[in-house]
Amino acid sequence: MRDNKNSKITIIKGITISFLFAGSTVVLAKDDCADLTGCAKKACEVNHQLLTAKRQGNSHQAAGLNKALNNINEYCTQDGLKAELQQKIHDTNSEIEEYKTILKKLSAKVSMTKLKSISKS
């Protein structure tokens, strides 16, 4: 009996949160998400896209965005976002190192070409 009651409470909380998001963001502009951070910002941005999709009558996109919003509300954590950002930083730093290596090789080729042209003169 207790599990059934907890399930009903969880469902009611979820529905309430959805209505709060839907009702409150009608008056919010996309810029209002800029003041938020972390999971709240992510939810705000997805909710804004969801409202736009609904206004445009794009039910398939709205369904996907609604699922994304539910996943954010259920699974998003600050630690998870931090880990994602750290991975992006790591990946970007790796790309930078690759570009530096390419640049060094190209610089060496240019220097060798200049030396050869000078020695021929």
Foldseek 3Di string as FASTA:
>chain_A
DVVVVVVVVVVVVVVVVVVCLQVVCVPPDLVVLVVDDFLSSVLNNLSNVLVVCVVVVVVVSNVVSVVVNVCSVVPTDRVVVVVVVVVVVVVVVVVVVVVVVVVVVVVVVVVVVVVVVVVVD
